[in-house]
Amino acid sequence: MYSRIETIRSAIESLKRDQLTEDFRTKATREAHSLAGSLGTFGLQTASDAAAEIERAFQSSIKRDDALGVGKYLAQIKQAVDGRRTDS
């Protein structure tokens, strides 16, 4: 799960620098899709919804200006996953 989060984080950083390639955008889309499913399976619905929003953003013609909004969704996911980790 953490490798998927890292891939998405890296894609967002590339987007901020206006260096997001089509291949990396596609990979980030797949990782967000997988993450949405995994988070839902673990009962983290809000985080799953955030991952689905990231997936939709990367599926569309995402622009550099969208990086902040997508980053906020990623922060929600990290908070939920980290919270779950400390609860265990």
N, C-alpha and C. Protein backbone atom coordinates (compact mmCIF):
# COMPACT_ATOMS: atom_id res chain seq x y z
N MET A 1 0.83 -1.19 0.00
CA MET A 1 0.00 0.00 0.00
C MET A 1 0.87 1.26 0.00
N TYR A 2 1.96 1.21 0.78
CA TYR A 2 2.83 2.39 0.87
C TYR A 2 3.54 2.68 -0.45
N SER A 3 3.85 1.63 -1.21
CA SER A 3 4.51 1.87 -2.50
C SER A 3 3.55 2.56 -3.47
N ARG A 4 2.26 2.23 -3.38
CA ARG A 4 1.27 2.91 -4.21
C ARG A 4 1.16 4.39 -3.82
N ILE A 5 1.14 4.64 -2.53
CA ILE A 5 1.08 6.03 -2.06
C ILE A 5 2.31 6.79 -2.54
N GLU A 6 3.46 6.16 -2.47
CA GLU A 6 4.71 6.81 -2.91
C GLU A 6 4.69 7.10 -4.41
N THR A 7 4.17 6.17 -5.19
CA THR A 7 4.07 6.40 -6.64
C THR A 7 3.19 7.60 -6.93
N ILE A 8 2.06 7.68 -6.25
CA ILE A 8 1.14 8.81 -6.45
C ILE A 8 1.79 10.11 -5.99
N ARG A 9 2.48 10.08 -4.86
CA ARG A 9 3.17 11.27 -4.38
C ARG A 9 4.20 11.76 -5.40
N SER A 10 4.94 10.82 -5.93
CA SER A 10 5.95 11.16 -6.92
C SER A 10 5.32 11.72 -8.20
N ALA A 11 4.19 11.17 -8.60
CA ALA A 11 3.48 11.68 -9.78
C ALA A 11 3.00 13.11 -9.54
N ILE A 12 2.53 13.38 -8.34
CA ILE A 12 2.08 14.74 -8.00
C ILE A 12 3.26 15.70 -8.05
N GLU A 13 4.41 15.27 -7.54
CA GLU A 13 5.61 16.11 -7.60
C GLU A 13 6.01 16.38 -9.04
N SER A 14 5.93 15.36 -9.88
CA SER A 14 6.24 15.56 -11.31
C SER A 14 5.25 16.53 -11.94
N LEU A 15 4.00 16.42 -11.55
CA LEU A 15 2.97 17.32 -12.06
C LEU A 15 3.28 18.76 -11.66
N LYS A 16 3.69 18.96 -10.42
CA LYS A 16 4.03 20.31 -9.94
C LYS A 16 5.16 20.93 -10.76
N ARG A 17 6.08 20.09 -11.22
CA ARG A 17 7.21 20.57 -12.02
C ARG A 17 6.87 20.58 -13.51
N ASP A 18 5.62 20.23 -13.82
CA ASP A 18 5.16 20.16 -15.22
C ASP A 18 5.98 19.14 -16.01
N GLN A 19 6.30 18.01 -15.34
CA GLN A 19 7.12 16.97 -15.95
C GLN A 19 6.44 15.60 -15.89
N LEU A 20 5.14 15.58 -15.75
CA LEU A 20 4.41 14.31 -15.66
C LEU A 20 4.27 13.71 -17.06
N THR A 21 4.90 12.57 -17.27
CA THR A 21 4.80 11.90 -18.57
C THR A 21 3.49 11.13 -18.66
N GLU A 22 3.11 10.79 -19.86
CA GLU A 22 1.88 10.02 -20.08
C GLU A 22 1.99 8.65 -19.41
N ASP A 23 3.14 8.01 -19.52
CA ASP A 23 3.33 6.70 -18.89
C ASP A 23 3.20 6.77 -17.37
N PHE A 24 3.79 7.80 -16.78
CA PHE A 24 3.73 7.95 -15.33
C PHE A 24 2.31 8.31 -14.89
N ARG A 25 1.61 9.11 -15.69
CA ARG A 25 0.22 9.45 -15.38
C ARG A 25 -0.63 8.19 -15.39
N THR A 26 -0.40 7.33 -16.38
CA THR A 26 -1.14 6.07 -16.48
C THR A 26 -0.84 5.17 -15.28
N LYS A 27 0.44 5.11 -14.89
CA LYS A 27 0.82 4.29 -13.72
C LYS A 27 0.16 4.84 -12.45
N ALA A 28 0.18 6.15 -12.27
CA ALA A 28 -0.45 6.75 -11.09
C ALA A 28 -1.95 6.48 -11.07
N THR A 29 -2.58 6.49 -12.24
CA THR A 29 -4.01 6.18 -12.34
C THR A 29 -4.28 4.76 -11.86
N ARG A 30 -3.47 3.81 -12.33
CA ARG A 30 -3.63 2.41 -11.92
C ARG A 30 -3.41 2.24 -10.42
N GLU A 31 -2.38 2.89 -9.91
CA GLU A 31 -2.07 2.77 -8.48
C GLU A 31 -3.19 3.37 -7.63
N ALA A 32 -3.74 4.49 -8.07
CA ALA A 32 -4.86 5.10 -7.33
C ALA A 32 -6.07 4.18 -7.35
N HIS A 33 -6.32 3.53 -8.48
CA HIS A 33 -7.45 2.60 -8.60
C HIS A 33 -7.26 1.43 -7.62
N SER A 34 -6.08 0.85 -7.62
CA SER A 34 -5.79 -0.27 -6.72
C SER A 34 -5.87 0.16 -5.26
N LEU A 35 -5.37 1.34 -4.98
CA LEU A 35 -5.41 1.87 -3.62
C LEU A 35 -6.84 2.08 -3.15
N ALA A 36 -7.69 2.59 -4.03
CA ALA A 36 -9.10 2.80 -3.68
C ALA A 36 -9.74 1.48 -3.26
N GLY A 37 -9.47 0.42 -4.01
CA GLY A 37 -10.02 -0.89 -3.67
C GLY A 37 -9.48 -1.43 -2.36
N SER A 38 -8.18 -1.32 -2.17
CA SER A 38 -7.55 -1.82 -0.94
C SER A 38 -8.07 -1.09 0.29
N LEU A 39 -8.14 0.22 0.19
CA LEU A 39 -8.61 1.02 1.33
C LEU A 39 -10.05 0.69 1.66
N GLY A 40 -10.87 0.49 0.64
CA GLY A 40 -12.26 0.11 0.87
C GLY A 40 -12.36 -1.23 1.57
N THR A 41 -11.50 -2.17 1.17
CA THR A 41 -11.48 -3.50 1.79
C THR A 41 -11.15 -3.42 3.28
N PHE A 42 -10.28 -2.48 3.63
CA PHE A 42 -9.89 -2.30 5.03
C PHE A 42 -10.86 -1.41 5.80
N GLY A 43 -11.95 -1.01 5.16
CA GLY A 43 -12.96 -0.21 5.85
C GLY A 43 -12.62 1.27 5.95
N LEU A 44 -11.67 1.72 5.17
CA LEU A 44 -11.27 3.12 5.19
C LEU A 44 -11.97 3.84 4.02
N GLN A 45 -13.27 4.00 4.15
CA GLN A 45 -14.08 4.49 3.04
C GLN A 45 -13.73 5.91 2.61
N THR A 46 -13.49 6.79 3.57
CA THR A 46 -13.14 8.17 3.21
C THR A 46 -11.84 8.19 2.41
N ALA A 47 -10.87 7.41 2.85
CA ALA A 47 -9.60 7.33 2.13
C ALA A 47 -9.79 6.67 0.77
N SER A 48 -10.64 5.67 0.71
CA SER A 48 -10.96 5.03 -0.57
C SER A 48 -11.57 6.03 -1.54
N ASP A 49 -12.48 6.84 -1.04
CA ASP A 49 -13.10 7.88 -1.87
C ASP A 49 -12.06 8.89 -2.35
N ALA A 50 -11.11 9.23 -1.49
CA ALA A 50 -10.04 10.16 -1.87
C ALA A 50 -9.18 9.55 -2.97
N ALA A 51 -8.88 8.26 -2.86
CA ALA A 51 -8.10 7.58 -3.90
C ALA A 51 -8.86 7.56 -5.22
N ALA A 52 -10.17 7.36 -5.14
CA ALA A 52 -10.99 7.38 -6.36
C ALA A 52 -10.97 8.77 -7.00
N GLU A 53 -10.95 9.81 -6.19
CA GLU A 53 -10.85 11.18 -6.72
C GLU A 53 -9.50 11.39 -7.41
N ILE A 54 -8.45 10.86 -6.82
CA ILE A 54 -7.13 10.96 -7.44
C ILE A 54 -7.13 10.21 -8.78
N GLU A 55 -7.72 9.03 -8.77
CA GLU A 55 -7.81 8.25 -10.02
C GLU A 55 -8.52 9.06 -11.10
N ARG A 56 -9.66 9.65 -10.76
CA ARG A 56 -10.41 10.46 -11.74
C ARG A 56 -9.58 11.64 -12.23
N ALA A 57 -8.85 12.26 -11.32
CA ALA A 57 -8.02 13.41 -11.71
C ALA A 57 -6.95 12.99 -12.72
N PHE A 58 -6.28 11.88 -12.45
CA PHE A 58 -5.24 11.42 -13.36
C PHE A 58 -5.81 10.88 -14.66
N GLN A 59 -7.05 10.40 -14.65
CA GLN A 59 -7.69 9.94 -15.88
C GLN A 59 -8.03 11.11 -16.79
N SER A 60 -8.32 12.24 -16.20
CA SER A 60 -8.67 13.42 -16.99
C SER A 60 -7.39 14.11 -17.45
N SER A 61 -7.55 15.19 -18.13
CA SER A 61 -6.36 15.94 -18.57
C SER A 61 -5.89 16.83 -17.43
N ILE A 62 -5.24 16.20 -16.46
CA ILE A 62 -4.79 16.89 -15.25
C ILE A 62 -3.73 17.93 -15.61
N LYS A 63 -3.81 19.04 -14.92
CA LYS A 63 -2.89 20.16 -15.17
C LYS A 63 -2.08 20.44 -13.90
N ARG A 64 -1.02 21.19 -14.09
CA ARG A 64 -0.14 21.56 -12.98
C ARG A 64 -0.92 22.23 -11.84
N ASP A 65 -1.90 23.05 -12.18
CA ASP A 65 -2.71 23.74 -11.17
C ASP A 65 -3.54 22.79 -10.32
N ASP A 66 -3.73 21.56 -10.79
CA ASP A 66 -4.53 20.57 -10.05
C ASP A 66 -3.72 19.86 -8.97
N ALA A 67 -2.42 20.06 -8.95
CA ALA A 67 -1.55 19.32 -8.03
C ALA A 67 -1.92 19.55 -6.57
N LEU A 68 -2.27 20.77 -6.21
CA LEU A 68 -2.60 21.06 -4.81
C LEU A 68 -3.83 20.27 -4.37
N GLY A 69 -4.87 20.27 -5.18
CA GLY A 69 -6.09 19.54 -4.83
C GLY A 69 -5.86 18.05 -4.73
N VAL A 70 -5.11 17.50 -5.67
CA VAL A 70 -4.81 16.07 -5.65
C VAL A 70 -3.93 15.76 -4.43
N GLY A 71 -3.03 16.65 -4.11
CA GLY A 71 -2.18 16.47 -2.93
C GLY A 71 -2.98 16.43 -1.64
N LYS A 72 -4.06 17.19 -1.58
CA LYS A 72 -4.92 17.16 -0.39
C LYS A 72 -5.60 15.81 -0.24
N TYR A 73 -6.02 15.22 -1.36
CA TYR A 73 -6.60 13.88 -1.29
C TYR A 73 -5.55 12.87 -0.81
N LEU A 74 -4.33 13.01 -1.30
CA LEU A 74 -3.27 12.10 -0.87
C LEU A 74 -2.99 12.25 0.62
N ALA A 75 -3.03 13.47 1.12
CA ALA A 75 -2.83 13.71 2.56
C ALA A 75 -3.91 13.01 3.38
N GLN A 76 -5.15 13.01 2.89
CA GLN A 76 -6.24 12.31 3.58
C GLN A 76 -5.95 10.82 3.64
N ILE A 77 -5.46 10.28 2.55
CA ILE A 77 -5.14 8.86 2.49
C ILE A 77 -4.03 8.53 3.48
N LYS A 78 -2.96 9.30 3.45
CA LYS A 78 -1.83 9.05 4.36
C LYS A 78 -2.26 9.13 5.81
N GLN A 79 -3.10 10.10 6.13
CA GLN A 79 -3.58 10.25 7.50
C GLN A 79 -4.38 9.02 7.93
N ALA A 80 -5.25 8.54 7.05
CA ALA A 80 -6.07 7.37 7.38
C ALA A 80 -5.21 6.12 7.54
N VAL A 81 -4.27 5.93 6.63
CA VAL A 81 -3.41 4.75 6.69
C VAL A 81 -2.50 4.81 7.91
N ASP A 82 -1.91 5.96 8.17
CA ASP A 82 -1.05 6.10 9.34
C ASP A 82 -1.85 5.92 10.63
N GLY A 83 -3.06 6.43 10.67
CA GLY A 83 -3.93 6.26 11.83
C GLY A 83 -4.28 4.81 12.06
N ARG A 84 -4.53 4.10 10.98
CA ARG A 84 -4.85 2.68 11.05
C ARG A 84 -3.65 1.90 11.56
N ARG A 85 -2.47 2.31 11.13
CA ARG A 85 -1.25 1.63 11.53
C ARG A 85 -0.99 1.78 13.02
N THR A 86 -1.27 2.95 13.58
CA THR A 86 -1.03 3.15 15.01
C THR A 86 -2.12 2.51 15.86
N ASP A 87 -3.28 2.24 15.25
CA ASP A 87 -4.36 1.59 15.98
C ASP A 87 -4.12 0.10 16.15
N SER A 88 -3.28 -0.48 15.30
CA SER A 88 -3.07 -1.93 15.31
C SER A 88 -2.21 -2.37 16.46
